[in-house]
């Protein structure tokens, strides 16, 4: 299990580095802060596949926003139950931005506003974790 975690961490680190370097060039990647935006959604009707599918379809529309460098959409993994693992959410999305300004642009983008309007009735709770990537 520990080797798998190390491998996953290495893949994430390499993938994030590749995104940063390819997005605007190596120089910009080292001078501008990178931002990770992780959102967790709890549905009003948890377990209802139709609502989960609608939310996932709505999240996919956000890929049309140019400032998003990468967007991953997921559901709780079937990993072992541990005290530190919160698998109570229904759907999650993970986004990468080049800067805080890009994340703000995403928040105000018409596709994001349309997503919120269309999908907000589906969720009971949303929790957001925004992280500034610490440079080496």
N, C-alpha and C. Protein backbone atom coordinates (compact mmCIF):
# COMPACT_ATOMS: atom_id res chain seq x y z
N UNK A 1 0.82 -1.19 0.00
CA UNK A 1 0.00 0.00 0.00
C UNK A 1 0.87 1.25 0.00
N UNK A 2 1.94 1.25 0.81
CA UNK A 2 2.79 2.44 0.88
C UNK A 2 3.47 2.73 -0.45
N UNK A 3 3.91 1.70 -1.16
CA UNK A 3 4.54 1.91 -2.46
C UNK A 3 3.55 2.53 -3.42
N UNK A 4 2.31 2.13 -3.37
CA UNK A 4 1.30 2.69 -4.26
C UNK A 4 1.11 4.17 -3.98
N UNK A 5 1.09 4.55 -2.72
CA UNK A 5 0.95 5.97 -2.37
C UNK A 5 2.12 6.78 -2.89
N UNK A 6 3.32 6.24 -2.75
CA UNK A 6 4.50 6.94 -3.25
C UNK A 6 4.44 7.08 -4.76
N UNK A 7 4.03 6.03 -5.44
CA UNK A 7 3.92 6.09 -6.89
C UNK A 7 2.88 7.12 -7.31
N UNK A 8 1.73 7.13 -6.63
CA UNK A 8 0.68 8.10 -6.94
C UNK A 8 1.18 9.53 -6.69
N UNK A 9 1.85 9.75 -5.58
CA UNK A 9 2.39 11.08 -5.28
C UNK A 9 3.38 11.51 -6.35
N UNK A 10 4.23 10.59 -6.80
CA UNK A 10 5.20 10.92 -7.85
C UNK A 10 4.50 11.26 -9.15
N UNK A 11 3.45 10.49 -9.50
CA UNK A 11 2.72 10.78 -10.73
C UNK A 11 2.05 12.14 -10.66
N UNK A 12 1.45 12.47 -9.51
CA UNK A 12 0.80 13.77 -9.35
C UNK A 12 1.84 14.88 -9.47
N UNK A 13 2.96 14.70 -8.80
CA UNK A 13 4.01 15.73 -8.86
C UNK A 13 4.52 15.92 -10.28
N UNK A 14 4.78 14.83 -10.98
CA UNK A 14 5.25 14.94 -12.35
C UNK A 14 4.20 15.55 -13.26
N UNK A 15 2.96 15.15 -13.08
CA UNK A 15 1.88 15.71 -13.89
C UNK A 15 1.70 17.20 -13.65
N UNK A 16 1.74 17.60 -12.39
CA UNK A 16 1.60 19.02 -12.07
C UNK A 16 2.75 19.83 -12.63
N UNK A 17 3.95 19.27 -12.56
CA UNK A 17 5.11 19.96 -13.11
C UNK A 17 4.96 20.11 -14.61
N UNK A 18 4.51 19.07 -15.27
CA UNK A 18 4.31 19.14 -16.72
C UNK A 18 3.28 20.18 -17.09
N UNK A 19 2.20 20.25 -16.33
CA UNK A 19 1.17 21.26 -16.59
C UNK A 19 1.75 22.65 -16.43
N UNK A 20 2.50 22.86 -15.35
CA UNK A 20 3.06 24.19 -15.09
C UNK A 20 4.03 24.60 -16.18
N UNK A 21 4.87 23.67 -16.61
CA UNK A 21 5.88 24.02 -17.61
C UNK A 21 5.27 24.20 -18.99
N UNK A 22 4.26 23.42 -19.32
CA UNK A 22 3.71 23.53 -20.67
C UNK A 22 2.70 24.66 -20.79
N UNK A 23 2.13 25.11 -19.69
CA UNK A 23 1.07 26.11 -19.77
C UNK A 23 1.57 27.45 -20.31
N UNK A 24 2.65 27.98 -19.76
CA UNK A 24 3.11 29.30 -20.19
C UNK A 24 4.63 29.39 -20.27
N UNK A 25 5.30 28.29 -20.23
CA UNK A 25 6.76 28.31 -20.32
C UNK A 25 7.39 28.15 -18.96
N UNK A 26 8.60 27.62 -18.95
CA UNK A 26 9.28 27.33 -17.69
C UNK A 26 9.51 28.56 -16.85
N UNK A 27 9.85 29.70 -17.46
CA UNK A 27 10.13 30.91 -16.69
C UNK A 27 8.88 31.38 -15.96
N UNK A 28 7.75 31.44 -16.64
CA UNK A 28 6.51 31.87 -16.01
C UNK A 28 6.10 30.92 -14.90
N UNK A 29 6.34 29.62 -15.10
CA UNK A 29 5.95 28.64 -14.10
C UNK A 29 6.72 28.82 -12.80
N UNK A 30 7.95 29.33 -12.87
CA UNK A 30 8.72 29.49 -11.65
C UNK A 30 8.49 30.84 -10.99
N UNK A 31 7.90 31.81 -11.71
CA UNK A 31 7.71 33.13 -11.13
C UNK A 31 6.27 33.38 -10.68
N UNK A 32 5.31 32.67 -11.25
CA UNK A 32 3.91 32.88 -10.89
C UNK A 32 3.44 31.76 -9.96
N UNK A 33 2.65 32.11 -8.97
CA UNK A 33 2.15 31.05 -8.10
C UNK A 33 1.15 30.18 -8.86
N UNK A 34 1.14 28.92 -8.56
CA UNK A 34 0.14 28.01 -9.13
C UNK A 34 -0.92 27.79 -8.07
N UNK A 35 -2.13 27.57 -8.52
CA UNK A 35 -3.24 27.40 -7.61
C UNK A 35 -3.99 26.12 -7.94
N UNK A 36 -4.30 25.35 -6.90
CA UNK A 36 -5.11 24.15 -7.04
C UNK A 36 -6.44 24.44 -6.37
N UNK A 37 -7.52 24.13 -7.06
CA UNK A 37 -8.89 24.42 -6.61
C UNK A 37 -9.60 23.07 -6.52
N UNK A 38 -9.90 22.62 -5.29
CA UNK A 38 -10.53 21.31 -5.08
C UNK A 38 -11.88 21.54 -4.43
N UNK A 39 -12.94 21.05 -5.09
CA UNK A 39 -14.30 21.28 -4.63
C UNK A 39 -14.98 19.93 -4.38
N UNK A 40 -15.65 19.83 -3.23
CA UNK A 40 -16.39 18.63 -2.86
C UNK A 40 -17.86 18.97 -2.79
N UNK A 41 -18.69 18.11 -3.39
CA UNK A 41 -20.14 18.31 -3.44
C UNK A 41 -20.86 17.18 -2.72
N UNK A 42 -21.82 17.55 -1.89
CA UNK A 42 -22.74 16.60 -1.27
C UNK A 42 -24.11 16.85 -1.88
N UNK A 43 -24.70 15.83 -2.46
CA UNK A 43 -25.98 15.96 -3.13
C UNK A 43 -27.13 16.03 -2.13
N UNK A 44 -28.19 16.73 -2.52
CA UNK A 44 -29.40 16.76 -1.70
C UNK A 44 -30.02 15.37 -1.62
N UNK A 45 -29.87 14.63 -2.73
CA UNK A 45 -30.40 13.27 -2.77
C UNK A 45 -29.24 12.30 -3.01
N UNK A 46 -28.44 12.06 -1.95
CA UNK A 46 -27.26 11.22 -2.12
C UNK A 46 -27.66 9.81 -2.59
N UNK A 47 -26.84 9.27 -3.42
CA UNK A 47 -27.10 7.93 -3.92
C UNK A 47 -27.98 7.89 -5.16
N UNK A 48 -28.56 9.02 -5.54
CA UNK A 48 -29.40 9.05 -6.73
C UNK A 48 -28.49 9.25 -7.95
N UNK A 49 -28.36 8.21 -8.74
CA UNK A 49 -27.44 8.21 -9.89
C UNK A 49 -27.75 9.34 -10.87
N UNK A 50 -29.02 9.62 -11.08
CA UNK A 50 -29.42 10.67 -12.03
C UNK A 50 -28.87 12.03 -11.60
N UNK A 51 -28.95 12.35 -10.32
CA UNK A 51 -28.42 13.63 -9.83
C UNK A 51 -26.90 13.67 -9.93
N UNK A 52 -26.25 12.56 -9.60
CA UNK A 52 -24.79 12.51 -9.70
C UNK A 52 -24.36 12.70 -11.15
N UNK A 53 -25.04 12.03 -12.07
CA UNK A 53 -24.71 12.15 -13.50
C UNK A 53 -24.93 13.57 -14.01
N UNK A 54 -25.98 14.23 -13.55
CA UNK A 54 -26.25 15.62 -13.96
C UNK A 54 -25.14 16.55 -13.46
N UNK A 55 -24.71 16.35 -12.22
CA UNK A 55 -23.65 17.19 -11.67
C UNK A 55 -22.34 16.95 -12.43
N UNK A 56 -22.02 15.71 -12.70
CA UNK A 56 -20.79 15.41 -13.45
C UNK A 56 -20.86 16.01 -14.84
N UNK A 57 -22.00 15.90 -15.51
CA UNK A 57 -22.16 16.51 -16.84
C UNK A 57 -21.98 18.02 -16.77
N UNK A 58 -22.52 18.65 -15.72
CA UNK A 58 -22.34 20.08 -15.55
C UNK A 58 -20.88 20.45 -15.33
N UNK A 59 -20.18 19.68 -14.52
CA UNK A 59 -18.76 19.94 -14.28
C UNK A 59 -17.95 19.82 -15.57
N UNK A 60 -18.32 18.88 -16.42
CA UNK A 60 -17.60 18.71 -17.69
C UNK A 60 -17.68 19.96 -18.56
N UNK A 61 -18.76 20.72 -18.46
CA UNK A 61 -18.89 21.94 -19.27
C UNK A 61 -17.82 22.97 -18.91
N UNK A 62 -17.29 22.88 -17.69
CA UNK A 62 -16.29 23.84 -17.25
C UNK A 62 -14.97 23.70 -18.01
N UNK A 63 -14.79 22.58 -18.68
CA UNK A 63 -13.57 22.39 -19.48
C UNK A 63 -13.46 23.40 -20.61
N UNK A 64 -14.54 24.07 -20.92
CA UNK A 64 -14.53 25.11 -21.96
C UNK A 64 -13.97 26.43 -21.49
N UNK A 65 -13.59 26.54 -20.23
CA UNK A 65 -13.04 27.78 -19.70
C UNK A 65 -11.52 27.77 -19.91
N UNK A 66 -11.00 28.67 -20.71
CA UNK A 66 -9.59 28.61 -21.13
C UNK A 66 -8.57 28.68 -20.01
N UNK A 67 -8.84 29.35 -18.90
CA UNK A 67 -7.83 29.51 -17.85
C UNK A 67 -7.63 28.24 -17.02
N UNK A 68 -8.51 27.26 -17.17
CA UNK A 68 -8.34 26.00 -16.45
C UNK A 68 -7.27 25.19 -17.16
N UNK A 69 -6.18 24.91 -16.46
CA UNK A 69 -5.08 24.15 -17.05
C UNK A 69 -5.37 22.66 -17.08
N UNK A 70 -6.09 22.17 -16.07
CA UNK A 70 -6.46 20.77 -16.01
C UNK A 70 -7.68 20.66 -15.11
N UNK A 71 -8.59 19.75 -15.44
CA UNK A 71 -9.80 19.52 -14.66
C UNK A 71 -10.01 18.03 -14.53
N UNK A 72 -10.07 17.56 -13.30
CA UNK A 72 -10.36 16.15 -13.01
C UNK A 72 -11.67 16.11 -12.22
N UNK A 73 -12.54 15.17 -12.55
CA UNK A 73 -13.82 14.99 -11.87
C UNK A 73 -13.83 13.58 -11.31
N UNK A 74 -14.29 13.44 -10.07
CA UNK A 74 -14.28 12.10 -9.48
C UNK A 74 -15.35 11.89 -8.43
N UNK A 75 -15.39 10.66 -7.98
CA UNK A 75 -16.29 10.22 -6.92
C UNK A 75 -15.43 9.54 -5.86
N UNK A 76 -15.96 9.30 -4.67
CA UNK A 76 -15.13 8.67 -3.64
C UNK A 76 -14.55 7.33 -4.12
N UNK A 77 -13.29 7.15 -3.85
CA UNK A 77 -12.61 5.90 -4.21
C UNK A 77 -12.96 4.83 -3.19
N UNK A 78 -12.87 3.60 -3.61
CA UNK A 78 -13.19 2.49 -2.70
C UNK A 78 -11.92 2.02 -1.98
N UNK A 79 -11.24 2.98 -1.37
CA UNK A 79 -10.05 2.65 -0.59
C UNK A 79 -10.49 2.22 0.81
N UNK A 80 -9.54 1.74 1.59
CA UNK A 80 -9.87 1.26 2.93
C UNK A 80 -10.40 2.40 3.80
N UNK A 81 -11.34 2.05 4.67
CA UNK A 81 -11.89 3.03 5.61
C UNK A 81 -10.87 3.29 6.71
N UNK A 82 -10.56 4.58 6.90
CA UNK A 82 -9.64 5.00 7.97
C UNK A 82 -10.19 6.27 8.57
N UNK A 83 -9.80 6.58 9.79
CA UNK A 83 -10.30 7.77 10.47
C UNK A 83 -9.98 9.06 9.72
N UNK A 84 -8.90 9.08 8.99
CA UNK A 84 -8.48 10.31 8.30
C UNK A 84 -9.09 10.47 6.92
N UNK A 85 -9.83 9.49 6.44
CA UNK A 85 -10.42 9.55 5.10
C UNK A 85 -11.89 9.95 5.21
N UNK A 86 -12.23 11.03 4.52
CA UNK A 86 -13.63 11.48 4.46
C UNK A 86 -14.16 11.15 3.07
N UNK A 87 -14.96 10.10 3.00
CA UNK A 87 -15.56 9.69 1.73
C UNK A 87 -17.06 9.98 1.74
N UNK A 88 -17.46 10.98 2.49
CA UNK A 88 -18.88 11.28 2.63
C UNK A 88 -19.44 12.11 1.48
N UNK A 89 -18.57 12.70 0.67
CA UNK A 89 -19.02 13.53 -0.45
C UNK A 89 -19.52 12.63 -1.58
N UNK A 90 -20.21 13.24 -2.55
CA UNK A 90 -20.74 12.49 -3.69
C UNK A 90 -19.90 12.67 -4.95
N UNK A 91 -19.45 13.90 -5.20
CA UNK A 91 -18.68 14.22 -6.41
C UNK A 91 -17.64 15.26 -6.02
N UNK A 92 -16.49 15.19 -6.70
CA UNK A 92 -15.43 16.16 -6.46
C UNK A 92 -14.85 16.60 -7.79
N UNK A 93 -14.36 17.84 -7.82
CA UNK A 93 -13.61 18.31 -8.99
C UNK A 93 -12.33 18.96 -8.52
N UNK A 94 -11.30 18.74 -9.30
CA UNK A 94 -9.96 19.24 -8.99
C UNK A 94 -9.48 20.02 -10.20
N UNK A 95 -9.16 21.31 -9.99
CA UNK A 95 -8.72 22.18 -11.08
C UNK A 95 -7.35 22.76 -10.77
N UNK A 96 -6.61 23.04 -11.84
CA UNK A 96 -5.30 23.66 -11.73
C UNK A 96 -5.31 24.97 -12.51
N UNK A 97 -4.80 26.02 -11.87
CA UNK A 97 -4.71 27.34 -12.50
C UNK A 97 -3.27 27.84 -12.40
N UNK A 98 -2.91 28.73 -13.31
CA UNK A 98 -1.57 29.33 -13.27
C UNK A 98 -1.45 30.41 -12.21
N UNK A 99 -2.59 31.00 -11.81
CA UNK A 99 -2.51 32.12 -10.88
C UNK A 99 -3.84 32.32 -10.17
N UNK A 100 -3.79 33.11 -9.12
CA UNK A 100 -5.00 33.50 -8.39
C UNK A 100 -5.92 34.30 -9.33
N UNK A 101 -5.31 35.11 -10.17
CA UNK A 101 -6.09 35.91 -11.13
C UNK A 101 -6.86 35.01 -12.10
N UNK A 102 -6.23 33.94 -12.55
CA UNK A 102 -6.91 33.00 -13.44
C UNK A 102 -8.07 32.32 -12.73
N UNK A 103 -7.88 31.97 -11.46
CA UNK A 103 -8.96 31.35 -10.71
C UNK A 103 -10.13 32.32 -10.55
N UNK A 104 -9.85 33.59 -10.34
CA UNK A 104 -10.89 34.61 -10.24
C UNK A 104 -11.62 34.75 -11.58
N UNK A 105 -10.87 34.71 -12.66
CA UNK A 105 -11.47 34.77 -13.99
C UNK A 105 -12.41 33.59 -14.22
N UNK A 106 -12.01 32.43 -13.75
CA UNK A 106 -12.86 31.23 -13.82
C UNK A 106 -14.16 31.46 -13.04
N UNK A 107 -14.04 32.00 -11.83
CA UNK A 107 -15.23 32.23 -10.98
C UNK A 107 -16.25 33.11 -11.68
N UNK A 108 -15.78 34.10 -12.43
CA UNK A 108 -16.65 35.06 -13.10
C UNK A 108 -17.04 34.67 -14.52
N UNK A 109 -16.49 33.58 -15.03
CA UNK A 109 -16.73 33.17 -16.41
C UNK A 109 -18.19 32.75 -16.62
N UNK A 110 -18.79 33.11 -17.74
CA UNK A 110 -20.19 32.75 -18.01
C UNK A 110 -20.48 31.24 -17.93
N UNK A 111 -19.52 30.40 -18.34
CA UNK A 111 -19.75 28.96 -18.23
C UNK A 111 -19.83 28.50 -16.78
N UNK A 112 -19.01 29.10 -15.92
CA UNK A 112 -19.07 28.75 -14.50
C UNK A 112 -20.38 29.24 -13.88
N UNK A 113 -20.77 30.45 -14.21
CA UNK A 113 -22.02 31.00 -13.68
C UNK A 113 -23.22 30.17 -14.16
N UNK A 114 -23.19 29.72 -15.40
CA UNK A 114 -24.26 28.87 -15.93
C UNK A 114 -24.27 27.51 -15.23
N UNK A 115 -23.09 26.96 -14.95
CA UNK A 115 -23.00 25.70 -14.22
C UNK A 115 -23.64 25.83 -12.84
N UNK A 116 -23.29 26.89 -12.12
CA UNK A 116 -23.84 27.09 -10.77
C UNK A 116 -25.36 27.21 -10.85
N UNK A 117 -25.85 27.99 -11.78
CA UNK A 117 -27.30 28.17 -11.91
C UNK A 117 -28.00 26.85 -12.21
N UNK A 118 -27.43 26.04 -13.09
CA UNK A 118 -28.06 24.79 -13.49
C UNK A 118 -27.94 23.69 -12.44
N UNK A 119 -26.82 23.65 -11.72
CA UNK A 119 -26.55 22.51 -10.84
C UNK A 119 -26.71 22.79 -9.35
N UNK A 120 -26.77 24.05 -8.96
CA UNK A 120 -26.91 24.38 -7.54
C UNK A 120 -28.11 23.68 -6.89
N UNK A 121 -29.24 23.52 -7.58
CA UNK A 121 -30.35 22.82 -6.95
C UNK A 121 -30.05 21.35 -6.59
N UNK A 122 -28.98 20.80 -7.14
CA UNK A 122 -28.64 19.41 -6.89
C UNK A 122 -27.90 19.20 -5.56
N UNK A 123 -27.16 20.21 -5.11
CA UNK A 123 -26.30 19.97 -3.96
C UNK A 123 -26.84 20.57 -2.68
N UNK A 124 -26.51 19.87 -1.58
CA UNK A 124 -26.88 20.32 -0.24
C UNK A 124 -25.72 21.06 0.41
N UNK A 125 -24.50 20.72 0.01
CA UNK A 125 -23.31 21.29 0.65
C UNK A 125 -22.16 21.27 -0.36
N UNK A 126 -21.34 22.31 -0.29
CA UNK A 126 -20.13 22.39 -1.11
C UNK A 126 -19.00 22.87 -0.20
N UNK A 127 -17.85 22.22 -0.30
CA UNK A 127 -16.67 22.64 0.44
C UNK A 127 -15.54 22.81 -0.57
N UNK A 128 -14.83 23.95 -0.47
CA UNK A 128 -13.76 24.28 -1.40
C UNK A 128 -12.44 24.36 -0.64
N UNK A 129 -11.41 23.75 -1.21
CA UNK A 129 -10.04 23.89 -0.71
C UNK A 129 -9.22 24.47 -1.83
N UNK A 130 -8.73 25.71 -1.65
CA UNK A 130 -7.83 26.34 -2.59
C UNK A 130 -6.43 26.29 -2.01
N UNK A 131 -5.48 25.87 -2.84
CA UNK A 131 -4.12 25.68 -2.36
C UNK A 131 -3.15 26.39 -3.29
N UNK A 132 -2.31 27.23 -2.72
CA UNK A 132 -1.18 27.81 -3.47
C UNK A 132 -0.04 26.81 -3.41
N UNK A 133 0.48 26.43 -4.55
CA UNK A 133 1.55 25.45 -4.61
C UNK A 133 2.83 26.07 -4.09
N UNK A 134 3.49 25.39 -3.17
CA UNK A 134 4.76 25.85 -2.59
C UNK A 134 5.87 25.44 -3.54
N UNK A 135 6.64 26.41 -3.96
CA UNK A 135 7.77 26.17 -4.87
C UNK A 135 8.96 25.63 -4.10
N UNK A 136 9.75 24.85 -4.79
CA UNK A 136 10.99 24.31 -4.19
C UNK A 136 12.00 25.41 -4.01
